[in-house]
Amino acid sequence: MKASLMMVACACAGMVFAGSVQAGPIGSACMKGRNAGTTVCGCIDQIADRTLSRADQRRAAGLFKDPDKAQQIRMSDRQADNDFWARYKNFAATAEAYCAR
C-alpha cells in the first residue's frame, strides 16, 4: 500500500498538464515534471476534488514536492496527521483505481 501511495504521489508530481484547464492544488502539482498527458493528470485532479478538502489538497500537493514529509505524517502520533493520512490513502487508492485505466 505504501508503494502505491508513493507511486501516485510521484506520478502526480512528475506529469505535465497541458491546456488551459484550471487545476486545484493537486492538479497544479501534477502539471510539473515529466510528460504523462492531460488525461491522467485531469483524472487525478478530479479525484482530489471529490475526496479531499481544499486544505487537504494543499497539504497533499506539498507531499509531492517533499516525499519525506509523507513518511513523517504517516508515522506521526498526532491525531490530525492520522486523520489526514487516512483521507490521503483513500484519495490515492481511488486515483489509482480510476486513473490508471
PDB file of N, CA and C in Angstrom:
ATOM      1  N   MET A   1       0.825  -1.190   0.000  1.00  0.00           N
ATOM      2  CA  MET A   1       0.000   0.000   0.000  1.00  0.00           C
ATOM      3  C   MET A   1       0.865   1.248   0.000  1.00  0.00           C
ATOM      4  N   LYS A   2       1.940   1.240   0.814  1.00  0.00           N
ATOM      5  CA  LYS A   2       2.825   2.400   0.874  1.00  0.00           C
ATOM      6  C   LYS A   2       3.419   2.681  -0.501  1.00  0.00           C
ATOM      7  N   ALA A   3       3.811   1.631  -1.202  1.00  0.00           N
ATOM      8  CA  ALA A   3       4.395   1.805  -2.537  1.00  0.00           C
ATOM      9  C   ALA A   3       3.390   2.416  -3.501  1.00  0.00           C
ATOM     10  N   SER A   4       2.129   1.981  -3.442  1.00  0.00           N
ATOM     11  CA  SER A   4       1.133   2.536  -4.368  1.00  0.00           C
ATOM     12  C   SER A   4       0.830   3.998  -4.039  1.00  0.00           C
ATOM     13  N   LEU A   5       0.853   4.372  -2.765  1.00  0.00           N
ATOM     14  CA  LEU A   5       0.636   5.767  -2.395  1.00  0.00           C
ATOM     15  C   LEU A   5       1.759   6.635  -2.941  1.00  0.00           C
ATOM     16  N   MET A   6       2.967   6.152  -2.803  1.00  0.00           N
ATOM     17  CA  MET A   6       4.101   6.932  -3.293  1.00  0.00           C
ATOM     18  C   MET A   6       4.107   6.964  -4.819  1.00  0.00           C
ATOM     19  N   MET A   7       3.658   5.883  -5.471  1.00  0.00           N
ATOM     20  CA  MET A   7       3.570   5.892  -6.933  1.00  0.00           C
ATOM     21  C   MET A   7       2.614   6.976  -7.401  1.00  0.00           C
ATOM     22  N   VAL A   8       1.460   7.084  -6.764  1.00  0.00           N
ATOM     23  CA  VAL A   8       0.500   8.112  -7.144  1.00  0.00           C
ATOM     24  C   VAL A   8       1.105   9.485  -6.905  1.00  0.00           C
ATOM     25  N   ALA A   9       1.739   9.668  -5.757  1.00  0.00           N
ATOM     26  CA  ALA A   9       2.351  10.963  -5.461  1.00  0.00           C
ATOM     27  C   ALA A   9       3.448  11.294  -6.450  1.00  0.00           C
ATOM     28  N   CYS A  10       4.306  10.338  -6.748  1.00  0.00           N
ATOM     29  CA  CYS A  10       5.399  10.584  -7.689  1.00  0.00           C
ATOM     30  C   CYS A  10       4.866  10.776  -9.096  1.00  0.00           C
ATOM     31  N   ALA A  11       3.875   9.998  -9.463  1.00  0.00           N
ATOM     32  CA  ALA A  11       3.307  10.149 -10.802  1.00  0.00           C
ATOM     33  C   ALA A  11       2.670  11.524 -10.957  1.00  0.00           C
ATOM     34  N   CYS A  12       1.975  11.969  -9.921  1.00  0.00           N
ATOM     35  CA  CYS A  12       1.355  13.296  -9.983  1.00  0.00           C
ATOM     36  C   CYS A  12       2.414  14.375 -10.077  1.00  0.00           C
ATOM     37  N   ALA A  13       3.442  14.238  -9.293  1.00  0.00           N
ATOM     38  CA  ALA A  13       4.477  15.265  -9.268  1.00  0.00           C
ATOM     39  C   ALA A  13       5.256  15.313 -10.565  1.00  0.00           C
ATOM     40  N   GLY A  14       5.279  14.206 -11.285  1.00  0.00           N
ATOM     41  CA  GLY A  14       6.097  14.146 -12.473  1.00  0.00           C
ATOM     42  C   GLY A  14       5.352  14.302 -13.774  1.00  0.00           C
ATOM     43  N   MET A  15       4.129  14.755 -13.772  1.00  0.00           N
ATOM     44  CA  MET A  15       3.346  14.843 -15.002  1.00  0.00           C
ATOM     45  C   MET A  15       3.225  16.273 -15.506  1.00  0.00           C
ATOM     46  N   VAL A  16       2.957  16.397 -16.787  1.00  0.00           N
ATOM     47  CA  VAL A  16       2.713  17.699 -17.386  1.00  0.00           C
ATOM     48  C   VAL A  16       1.250  17.768 -17.771  1.00  0.00           C
ATOM     49  N   PHE A  17       0.591  18.859 -17.412  1.00  0.00           N
ATOM     50  CA  PHE A  17      -0.817  19.048 -17.729  1.00  0.00           C
ATOM     51  C   PHE A  17      -0.913  20.212 -18.692  1.00  0.00           C
ATOM     52  N   ALA A  18      -1.162  19.915 -19.959  1.00  0.00           N
ATOM     53  CA  ALA A  18      -1.218  20.959 -20.976  1.00  0.00           C
ATOM     54  C   ALA A  18      -2.633  21.497 -21.084  1.00  0.00           C
ATOM     55  N   GLY A  19      -2.766  22.690 -21.594  1.00  0.00           N
ATOM     56  CA  GLY A  19      -4.077  23.271 -21.810  1.00  0.00           C
ATOM     57  C   GLY A  19      -4.396  24.334 -20.799  1.00  0.00           C
ATOM     58  N   SER A  20      -5.610  24.826 -20.896  1.00  0.00           N
ATOM     59  CA  SER A  20      -5.987  25.954 -20.052  1.00  0.00           C
ATOM     60  C   SER A  20      -6.957  25.562 -18.948  1.00  0.00           C
ATOM     61  N   VAL A  21      -7.039  24.296 -18.636  1.00  0.00           N
ATOM     62  CA  VAL A  21      -7.932  23.841 -17.580  1.00  0.00           C
ATOM     63  C   VAL A  21      -7.404  24.350 -16.246  1.00  0.00           C
ATOM     64  N   GLN A  22      -8.294  24.920 -15.454  1.00  0.00           N
ATOM     65  CA  GLN A  22      -7.885  25.359 -14.129  1.00  0.00           C
ATOM     66  C   GLN A  22      -7.797  24.143 -13.227  1.00  0.00           C
ATOM     67  N   ALA A  23      -6.680  24.042 -12.550  1.00  0.00           N
ATOM     68  CA  ALA A  23      -6.447  22.891 -11.694  1.00  0.00           C
ATOM     69  C   ALA A  23      -6.369  23.339 -10.247  1.00  0.00           C
ATOM     70  N   GLY A  24      -6.743  22.441  -9.355  1.00  0.00           N
ATOM     71  CA  GLY A  24      -6.590  22.689  -7.935  1.00  0.00           C
ATOM     72  C   GLY A  24      -5.151  22.467  -7.531  1.00  0.00           C
ATOM     73  N   PRO A  25      -4.881  22.465  -6.231  1.00  0.00           N
ATOM     74  CA  PRO A  25      -3.508  22.297  -5.760  1.00  0.00           C
ATOM     75  C   PRO A  25      -2.855  21.001  -6.249  1.00  0.00           C
ATOM     76  N   ILE A  26      -3.606  19.914  -6.255  1.00  0.00           N
ATOM     77  CA  ILE A  26      -3.038  18.654  -6.715  1.00  0.00           C
ATOM     78  C   ILE A  26      -2.864  18.675  -8.230  1.00  0.00           C
ATOM     79  N   GLY A  27      -3.811  19.249  -8.935  1.00  0.00           N
ATOM     80  CA  GLY A  27      -3.666  19.383 -10.381  1.00  0.00           C
ATOM     81  C   GLY A  27      -2.468  20.234 -10.743  1.00  0.00           C
ATOM     82  N   SER A  28      -2.228  21.288  -9.978  1.00  0.00           N
ATOM     83  CA  SER A  28      -1.061  22.139 -10.220  1.00  0.00           C
ATOM     84  C   SER A  28       0.232  21.374  -9.969  1.00  0.00           C
ATOM     85  N   ALA A  29       0.271  20.581  -8.902  1.00  0.00           N
ATOM     86  CA  ALA A  29       1.452  19.762  -8.638  1.00  0.00           C
ATOM     87  C   ALA A  29       1.640  18.735  -9.748  1.00  0.00           C
ATOM     88  N   CYS A  30       0.533  18.261 -10.269  1.00  0.00           N
ATOM     89  CA  CYS A  30       0.549  17.267 -11.338  1.00  0.00           C
ATOM     90  C   CYS A  30       1.077  17.850 -12.648  1.00  0.00           C
ATOM     91  N   MET A  31       0.948  19.149 -12.820  1.00  0.00           N
ATOM     92  CA  MET A  31       1.362  19.798 -14.062  1.00  0.00           C
ATOM     93  C   MET A  31       2.876  19.892 -14.222  1.00  0.00           C
ATOM     94  N   LYS A  32       3.601  19.724 -13.160  1.00  0.00           N
ATOM     95  CA  LYS A  32       5.050  19.913 -13.196  1.00  0.00           C
ATOM     96  C   LYS A  32       5.770  18.592 -13.428  1.00  0.00           C
ATOM     97  N   GLY A  33       6.878  18.638 -14.138  1.00  0.00           N
ATOM     98  CA  GLY A  33       7.727  17.454 -14.274  1.00  0.00           C
ATOM     99  C   GLY A  33       7.623  16.772 -15.608  1.00  0.00           C
ATOM    100  N   ARG A  34       7.637  15.455 -15.572  1.00  0.00           N
ATOM    101  CA  ARG A  34       7.659  14.635 -16.791  1.00  0.00           C
ATOM    102  C   ARG A  34       6.322  14.634 -17.515  1.00  0.00           C
ATOM    103  N   ASN A  35       6.341  14.217 -18.762  1.00  0.00           N
ATOM    104  CA  ASN A  35       5.144  14.210 -19.613  1.00  0.00           C
ATOM    105  C   ASN A  35       4.339  12.927 -19.425  1.00  0.00           C
ATOM    106  N   ALA A  36       3.109  13.051 -18.977  1.00  0.00           N
ATOM    107  CA  ALA A  36       2.229  11.891 -18.855  1.00  0.00           C
ATOM    108  C   ALA A  36       0.872  12.158 -19.489  1.00  0.00           C
ATOM    109  N   GLY A  37       0.612  13.354 -19.925  1.00  0.00           N
ATOM    110  CA  GLY A  37      -0.627  13.651 -20.613  1.00  0.00           C
ATOM    111  C   GLY A  37      -1.688  14.267 -19.730  1.00  0.00           C
ATOM    112  N   THR A  38      -2.609  14.913 -20.406  1.00  0.00           N
ATOM    113  CA  THR A  38      -3.662  15.638 -19.697  1.00  0.00           C
ATOM    114  C   THR A  38      -4.727  14.718 -19.111  1.00  0.00           C
ATOM    115  N   THR A  39      -4.921  13.577 -19.714  1.00  0.00           N
ATOM    116  CA  THR A  39      -5.986  12.690 -19.255  1.00  0.00           C
ATOM    117  C   THR A  39      -5.745  12.211 -17.832  1.00  0.00           C
ATOM    118  N   VAL A  40      -4.572  11.684 -17.569  1.00  0.00           N
ATOM    119  CA  VAL A  40      -4.267  11.156 -16.238  1.00  0.00           C
ATOM    120  C   VAL A  40      -4.232  12.278 -15.219  1.00  0.00           C
ATOM    121  N   CYS A  41      -3.581  13.381 -15.573  1.00  0.00           N
ATOM    122  CA  CYS A  41      -3.460  14.495 -14.645  1.00  0.00           C
ATOM    123  C   CYS A  41      -4.838  15.087 -14.319  1.00  0.00           C
ATOM    124  N   GLY A  42      -5.670  15.232 -15.321  1.00  0.00           N
ATOM    125  CA  GLY A  42      -7.021  15.732 -15.100  1.00  0.00           C
ATOM    126  C   GLY A  42      -7.840  14.787 -14.242  1.00  0.00           C
ATOM    127  N   CYS A  43      -7.669  13.499 -14.465  1.00  0.00           N
ATOM    128  CA  CYS A  43      -8.379  12.491 -13.672  1.00  0.00           C
ATOM    129  C   CYS A  43      -7.985  12.590 -12.200  1.00  0.00           C
ATOM    130  N   ILE A  44      -6.684  12.677 -11.947  1.00  0.00           N
ATOM    131  CA  ILE A  44      -6.201  12.761 -10.568  1.00  0.00           C
ATOM    132  C   ILE A  44      -6.740  14.019  -9.892  1.00  0.00           C
ATOM    133  N   ASP A  45      -6.778  15.119 -10.624  1.00  0.00           N
ATOM    134  CA  ASP A  45      -7.305  16.364 -10.076  1.00  0.00           C
ATOM    135  C   ASP A  45      -8.795  16.218  -9.732  1.00  0.00           C
ATOM    136  N   GLN A  46      -9.547  15.557 -10.601  1.00  0.00           N
ATOM    137  CA  GLN A  46     -10.974  15.345 -10.331  1.00  0.00           C
ATOM    138  C   GLN A  46     -11.188  14.469  -9.102  1.00  0.00           C
ATOM    139  N   ILE A  47     -10.378  13.429  -8.960  1.00  0.00           N
ATOM    140  CA  ILE A  47     -10.493  12.560  -7.785  1.00  0.00           C
ATOM    141  C   ILE A  47     -10.159  13.354  -6.526  1.00  0.00           C
ATOM    142  N   ALA A  48      -9.150  14.200  -6.591  1.00  0.00           N
ATOM    143  CA  ALA A  48      -8.800  15.037  -5.436  1.00  0.00           C
ATOM    144  C   ALA A  48      -9.971  15.939  -5.060  1.00  0.00           C
ATOM    145  N   ASP A  49     -10.619  16.531  -6.082  1.00  0.00           N
ATOM    146  CA  ASP A  49     -11.767  17.401  -5.800  1.00  0.00           C
ATOM    147  C   ASP A  49     -12.900  16.639  -5.122  1.00  0.00           C
ATOM    148  N   ARG A  50     -13.032  15.375  -5.434  1.00  0.00           N
ATOM    149  CA  ARG A  50     -14.132  14.572  -4.878  1.00  0.00           C
ATOM    150  C   ARG A  50     -13.817  13.966  -3.516  1.00  0.00           C
ATOM    151  N   THR A  51     -12.525  13.778  -3.214  1.00  0.00           N
ATOM    152  CA  THR A  51     -12.186  13.032  -1.997  1.00  0.00           C
ATOM    153  C   THR A  51     -11.471  13.849  -0.934  1.00  0.00           C
ATOM    154  N   LEU A  52     -10.937  15.017  -1.299  1.00  0.00           N
ATOM    155  CA  LEU A  52     -10.171  15.814  -0.342  1.00  0.00           C
ATOM    156  C   LEU A  52     -10.707  17.241  -0.272  1.00  0.00           C
ATOM    157  N   SER A  53     -10.651  17.812   0.916  1.00  0.00           N
ATOM    158  CA  SER A  53     -10.977  19.234   1.059  1.00  0.00           C
ATOM    159  C   SER A  53      -9.865  20.046   0.400  1.00  0.00           C
ATOM    160  N   ARG A  54     -10.112  21.337   0.203  1.00  0.00           N
ATOM    161  CA  ARG A  54      -9.072  22.194  -0.380  1.00  0.00           C
ATOM    162  C   ARG A  54      -7.833  22.223   0.518  1.00  0.00           C
ATOM    163  N   ALA A  55      -8.036  22.258   1.825  1.00  0.00           N
ATOM    164  CA  ALA A  55      -6.902  22.260   2.756  1.00  0.00           C
ATOM    165  C   ALA A  55      -6.101  20.966   2.623  1.00  0.00           C
ATOM    166  N   ASP A  56      -6.799  19.837   2.533  1.00  0.00           N
ATOM    167  CA  ASP A  56      -6.110  18.557   2.350  1.00  0.00           C
ATOM    168  C   ASP A  56      -5.394  18.503   1.005  1.00  0.00           C
ATOM    169  N   GLN A  57      -5.995  19.083  -0.031  1.00  0.00           N
ATOM    170  CA  GLN A  57      -5.340  19.106  -1.339  1.00  0.00           C
ATOM    171  C   GLN A  57      -4.040  19.907  -1.278  1.00  0.00           C
ATOM    172  N   ARG A  58      -4.063  21.034  -0.595  1.00  0.00           N
ATOM    173  CA  ARG A  58      -2.842  21.839  -0.468  1.00  0.00           C
ATOM    174  C   ARG A  58      -1.773  21.059   0.294  1.00  0.00           C
ATOM    175  N   ARG A  59      -2.181  20.384   1.348  1.00  0.00           N
ATOM    176  CA  ARG A  59      -1.222  19.604   2.138  1.00  0.00           C
ATOM    177  C   ARG A  59      -0.681  18.437   1.323  1.00  0.00           C
ATOM    178  N   ALA A  60      -1.548  17.748   0.591  1.00  0.00           N
ATOM    179  CA  ALA A  60      -1.114  16.617  -0.245  1.00  0.00           C
ATOM    180  C   ALA A  60      -0.189  17.081  -1.364  1.00  0.00           C
ATOM    181  N   ALA A  61      -0.478  18.237  -1.957  1.00  0.00           N
ATOM    182  CA  ALA A  61       0.390  18.770  -3.011  1.00  0.00           C
ATOM    183  C   ALA A  61       1.798  18.999  -2.470  1.00  0.00           C
ATOM    184  N   GLY A  62       1.898  19.410  -1.225  1.00  0.00           N
ATOM    185  CA  GLY A  62       3.209  19.583  -0.599  1.00  0.00           C
ATOM    186  C   GLY A  62       3.965  18.276  -0.466  1.00  0.00           C
ATOM    187  N   LEU A  63       3.236  17.179  -0.331  1.00  0.00           N
ATOM    188  CA  LEU A  63       3.886  15.875  -0.231  1.00  0.00           C
ATOM    189  C   LEU A  63       4.546  15.476  -1.541  1.00  0.00           C
ATOM    190  N   PHE A  64       4.006  15.928  -2.658  1.00  0.00           N
ATOM    191  CA  PHE A  64       4.596  15.600  -3.953  1.00  0.00           C
ATOM    192  C   PHE A  64       5.977  16.241  -4.068  1.00  0.00           C
ATOM    193  N   LYS A  65       6.118  17.431  -3.489  1.00  0.00           N
ATOM    194  CA  LYS A  65       7.393  18.142  -3.536  1.00  0.00           C
ATOM    195  C   LYS A  65       8.386  17.584  -2.523  1.00  0.00           C
ATOM    196  N   ASP A  66       7.889  17.058  -1.420  1.00  0.00           N
ATOM    197  CA  ASP A  66       8.738  16.569  -0.336  1.00  0.00           C
ATOM    198  C   ASP A  66       8.224  15.217   0.161  1.00  0.00           C
ATOM    199  N   PRO A  67       8.574  14.121  -0.549  1.00  0.00           N
ATOM    200  CA  PRO A  67       8.075  12.796  -0.160  1.00  0.00           C
ATOM    201  C   PRO A  67       8.466  12.380   1.256  1.00  0.00           C
ATOM    202  N   ASP A  68       9.562  12.910   1.785  1.00  0.00           N
ATOM    203  CA  ASP A  68       9.938  12.581   3.167  1.00  0.00           C
ATOM    204  C   ASP A  68       8.899  13.066   4.162  1.00  0.00           C
ATOM    205  N   LYS A  69       8.223  14.143   3.816  1.00  0.00           N
ATOM    206  CA  LYS A  69       7.169  14.677   4.678  1.00  0.00           C
ATOM    207  C   LYS A  69       6.015  13.676   4.799  1.00  0.00           C
ATOM    208  N   ALA A  70       5.753  12.943   3.721  1.00  0.00           N
ATOM    209  CA  ALA A  70       4.702  11.920   3.750  1.00  0.00           C
ATOM    210  C   ALA A  70       5.021  10.867   4.805  1.00  0.00           C
ATOM    211  N   GLN A  71       6.272  10.460   4.866  1.00  0.00           N
ATOM    212  CA  GLN A  71       6.680   9.464   5.856  1.00  0.00           C
ATOM    213  C   GLN A  71       6.533  10.027   7.269  1.00  0.00           C
ATOM    214  N   GLN A  72       6.870  11.281   7.461  1.00  0.00           N
ATOM    215  CA  GLN A  72       6.731  11.910   8.779  1.00  0.00           C
ATOM    216  C   GLN A  72       5.274  11.942   9.214  1.00  0.00           C
ATOM    217  N   ILE A  73       4.392  12.282   8.286  1.00  0.00           N
ATOM    218  CA  ILE A  73       2.963  12.324   8.607  1.00  0.00           C
ATOM    219  C   ILE A  73       2.444  10.926   8.897  1.00  0.00           C
ATOM    220  N   ARG A  74       2.850   9.970   8.080  1.00  0.00           N
ATOM    221  CA  ARG A  74       2.394   8.590   8.245  1.00  0.00           C
ATOM    222  C   ARG A  74       2.806   8.024   9.603  1.00  0.00           C
ATOM    223  N   MET A  75       3.976   8.399  10.071  1.00  0.00           N
ATOM    224  CA  MET A  75       4.499   7.866  11.333  1.00  0.00           C
ATOM    225  C   MET A  75       4.138   8.729  12.542  1.00  0.00           C
ATOM    226  N   SER A  76       3.470   9.842  12.328  1.00  0.00           N
ATOM    227  CA  SER A  76       3.152  10.780  13.395  1.00  0.00           C
ATOM    228  C   SER A  76       2.187  10.188  14.421  1.00  0.00           C
ATOM    229  N   ASP A  77       2.304  10.674  15.641  1.00  0.00           N
ATOM    230  CA  ASP A  77       1.384  10.282  16.710  1.00  0.00           C
ATOM    231  C   ASP A  77       0.215  11.250  16.835  1.00  0.00           C
ATOM    232  N   ARG A  78       0.258  12.349  16.099  1.00  0.00           N
ATOM    233  CA  ARG A  78      -0.810  13.347  16.176  1.00  0.00           C
ATOM    234  C   ARG A  78      -2.079  12.828  15.497  1.00  0.00           C
ATOM    235  N   GLN A  79      -3.204  12.997  16.144  1.00  0.00           N
ATOM    236  CA  GLN A  79      -4.475  12.540  15.591  1.00  0.00           C
ATOM    237  C   GLN A  79      -4.804  13.251  14.279  1.00  0.00           C
ATOM    238  N   ALA A  80      -4.511  14.540  14.195  1.00  0.00           N
ATOM    239  CA  ALA A  80      -4.784  15.289  12.962  1.00  0.00           C
ATOM    240  C   ALA A  80      -3.995  14.714  11.792  1.00  0.00           C
ATOM    241  N   ASP A  81      -2.748  14.313  12.036  1.00  0.00           N
ATOM    242  CA  ASP A  81      -1.944  13.690  10.983  1.00  0.00           C
ATOM    243  C   ASP A  81      -2.514  12.328  10.599  1.00  0.00           C
ATOM    244  N   ASN A  82      -2.938  11.556  11.581  1.00  0.00           N
ATOM    245  CA  ASN A  82      -3.526  10.245  11.298  1.00  0.00           C
ATOM    246  C   ASN A  82      -4.813  10.379  10.491  1.00  0.00           C
ATOM    247  N   ASP A  83      -5.627  11.368  10.830  1.00  0.00           N
ATOM    248  CA  ASP A  83      -6.870  11.597  10.096  1.00  0.00           C
ATOM    249  C   ASP A  83      -6.577  12.010   8.656  1.00  0.00           C
ATOM    250  N   PHE A  84      -5.615  12.928   8.490  1.00  0.00           N
ATOM    251  CA  PHE A  84      -5.227  13.337   7.132  1.00  0.00           C
ATOM    252  C   PHE A  84      -4.714  12.140   6.348  1.00  0.00           C
ATOM    253  N   TRP A  85      -3.865  11.319   6.976  1.00  0.00           N
ATOM    254  CA  TRP A  85      -3.281  10.182   6.264  1.00  0.00           C
ATOM    255  C   TRP A  85      -4.369   9.210   5.791  1.00  0.00           C
ATOM    256  N   ALA A  86      -5.379   9.014   6.590  1.00  0.00           N
ATOM    257  CA  ALA A  86      -6.490   8.139   6.180  1.00  0.00           C
ATOM    258  C   ALA A  86      -7.204   8.721   4.960  1.00  0.00           C
ATOM    259  N   ARG A  87      -7.442  10.025   4.963  1.00  0.00           N
ATOM    260  CA  ARG A  87      -8.082  10.663   3.802  1.00  0.00           C
ATOM    261  C   ARG A  87      -7.171  10.608   2.580  1.00  0.00           C
ATOM    262  N   TYR A  88      -5.876  10.810   2.787  1.00  0.00           N
ATOM    263  CA  TYR A  88      -4.921  10.767   1.685  1.00  0.00           C
ATOM    264  C   TYR A  88      -4.844   9.359   1.078  1.00  0.00           C
ATOM    265  N   LYS A  89      -4.842   8.334   1.924  1.00  0.00           N
ATOM    266  CA  LYS A  89      -4.829   6.950   1.424  1.00  0.00           C
ATOM    267  C   LYS A  89      -6.072   6.671   0.593  1.00  0.00           C
ATOM    268  N   ASN A  90      -7.218   7.161   1.029  1.00  0.00           N
ATOM    269  CA  ASN A  90      -8.451   6.985   0.265  1.00  0.00           C
ATOM    270  C   ASN A  90      -8.330   7.673  -1.096  1.00  0.00           C
ATOM    271  N   PHE A  91      -7.817   8.905  -1.106  1.00  0.00           N
ATOM    272  CA  PHE A  91      -7.592   9.614  -2.364  1.00  0.00           C
ATOM    273  C   PHE A  91      -6.664   8.822  -3.278  1.00  0.00           C
ATOM    274  N   ALA A  92      -5.537   8.371  -2.747  1.00  0.00           N
ATOM    275  CA  ALA A  92      -4.541   7.663  -3.567  1.00  0.00           C
ATOM    276  C   ALA A  92      -5.109   6.367  -4.134  1.00  0.00           C
ATOM    277  N   ALA A  93      -5.823   5.616  -3.310  1.00  0.00           N
ATOM    278  CA  ALA A  93      -6.411   4.355  -3.794  1.00  0.00           C
ATOM    279  C   ALA A  93      -7.471   4.616  -4.863  1.00  0.00           C
ATOM    280  N   THR A  94      -8.271   5.645  -4.654  1.00  0.00           N
ATOM    281  CA  THR A  94      -9.304   5.987  -5.631  1.00  0.00           C
ATOM    282  C   THR A  94      -8.673   6.464  -6.933  1.00  0.00           C
ATOM    283  N   ALA A  95      -7.672   7.322  -6.831  1.00  0.00           N
ATOM    284  CA  ALA A  95      -6.985   7.818  -8.036  1.00  0.00           C
ATOM    285  C   ALA A  95      -6.321   6.674  -8.786  1.00  0.00           C
ATOM    286  N   GLU A  96      -5.708   5.778  -8.056  1.00  0.00           N
ATOM    287  CA  GLU A  96      -5.049   4.625  -8.699  1.00  0.00           C
ATOM    288  C   GLU A  96      -6.065   3.755  -9.427  1.00  0.00           C
ATOM    289  N   ALA A  97      -7.198   3.526  -8.791  1.00  0.00           N
ATOM    290  CA  ALA A  97      -8.220   2.671  -9.391  1.00  0.00           C
ATOM    291  C   ALA A  97      -8.853   3.300 -10.645  1.00  0.00           C
ATOM    292  N   TYR A  98      -9.132   4.590 -10.596  1.00  0.00           N
ATOM    293  CA  TYR A  98      -9.839   5.240 -11.700  1.00  0.00           C
ATOM    294  C   TYR A  98      -8.926   5.819 -12.767  1.00  0.00           C
ATOM    295  N   CYS A  99      -7.743   6.237 -12.400  1.00  0.00           N
ATOM    296  CA  CYS A  99      -6.897   6.977 -13.343  1.00  0.00           C
ATOM    297  C   CYS A  99      -5.857   6.108 -14.018  1.00  0.00           C
ATOM    298  N   ALA A 100      -5.659   4.899 -13.558  1.00  0.00           N
ATOM    299  CA  ALA A 100      -4.644   4.015 -14.142  1.00  0.00           C
ATOM    300  C   ALA A 100      -5.184   3.247 -15.343  1.00  0.00           C
ATOM    301  N   ARG A 101      -6.411   3.482 -15.702  1.00  0.00           N
ATOM    302  CA  ARG A 101      -7.033   2.744 -16.811  1.00  0.00           C
ATOM    303  C   ARG A 101      -6.471   3.164 -18.132  1.00  0.00           C
TER     304      ARG A 101
END
